Amino acid sequence: MAPDQIAQRLRDRFGEQILEFKGDALDPFVRVAPENILPVCKFLHEEDDLFFDMCHNLSGYDPGAGQPLVVIYHLFSFRHRHWFTLKTEVPRTGGHVPTVSYLWRTADWHEREVYDLFGITFDNHPDLRRLLCPDDWEGWPLRKDYIVQEYYHGIRVPYGEDWNNFDTFAGNFERGHYVFAFEKRLPANDGQPAGKKE
C-alpha cells in the first residue's frame, strides 16, 4: 500500500485527528497530536490491510529555539512490505507522549534514547531511564539549546580545544595525564606539557 493510501485510511478512521499528510516529502509522513498517537499506532498495528508489525525506528528531533520537539516513528509491515512514517510534536518543557513499547518491543530502547537525549517523557513506559548518559547527567544533549555542564563529579566535561595542536595541550594543564593516540607524536620533554619545560 502506498503512503497516500495509508494516509487516507487514517483520515477515514480518525478524521481531523490526522493533522497533516506530507506526501511530497522524501519520506512521506502523517502528523498526529501526541494525545492521539497511541490509538493511531494501534490502528496501524492491528488492521489486517495495514499490519505494521515492526517499529523500525523511533527518534527525536529538535528543529530549534522556540519550536516544539518532534518524535518520529518509522513503521514497517513484513506481511505487506510497506513503510509508513508518523510524527508528533510536543512542547519543549514537559513534553510527553504515550509509550508504544507495548505494541512494538523495539520501541522500548528507542523511547529511552529519546528521553535521554531530548527529555521527552513516554507515559507508561515500563522502564523509562536514561540509556546513554549517567542517571544524574544534567540536561538533554541533543537539544539545540543544550549547554554542556562544566564538570561532572569533578571531571571537566567540555573539550572545545583542538588536542591535535600541541599549543593547546600546553595551555590546558587541567587535562592531566590522560593518554590519547595522537599524544604519541608529542616531542619528548621529560613529561612536561609542551612549552612548559624549564
Foldseek 3Di string as FASTA:
>chain_A
DDQVVLVVVCCVVPPCQFPDWDPPDPATATEGEQACPQVVVVCQCPDPVRNQQAFPAWAKDAPAPPFFIKIKTWTAHPVVGDIYMYMYTAHQPAAEHAQCCVRHVVSLVRQLDRCQQRVYYHPPRPDNAHDPDPRPADDHNVHPPDDHDQDDPNHGPDDPDDVLDLVVQLVDCSVPDDDDPSCVVPDDQPPHRPPPRD
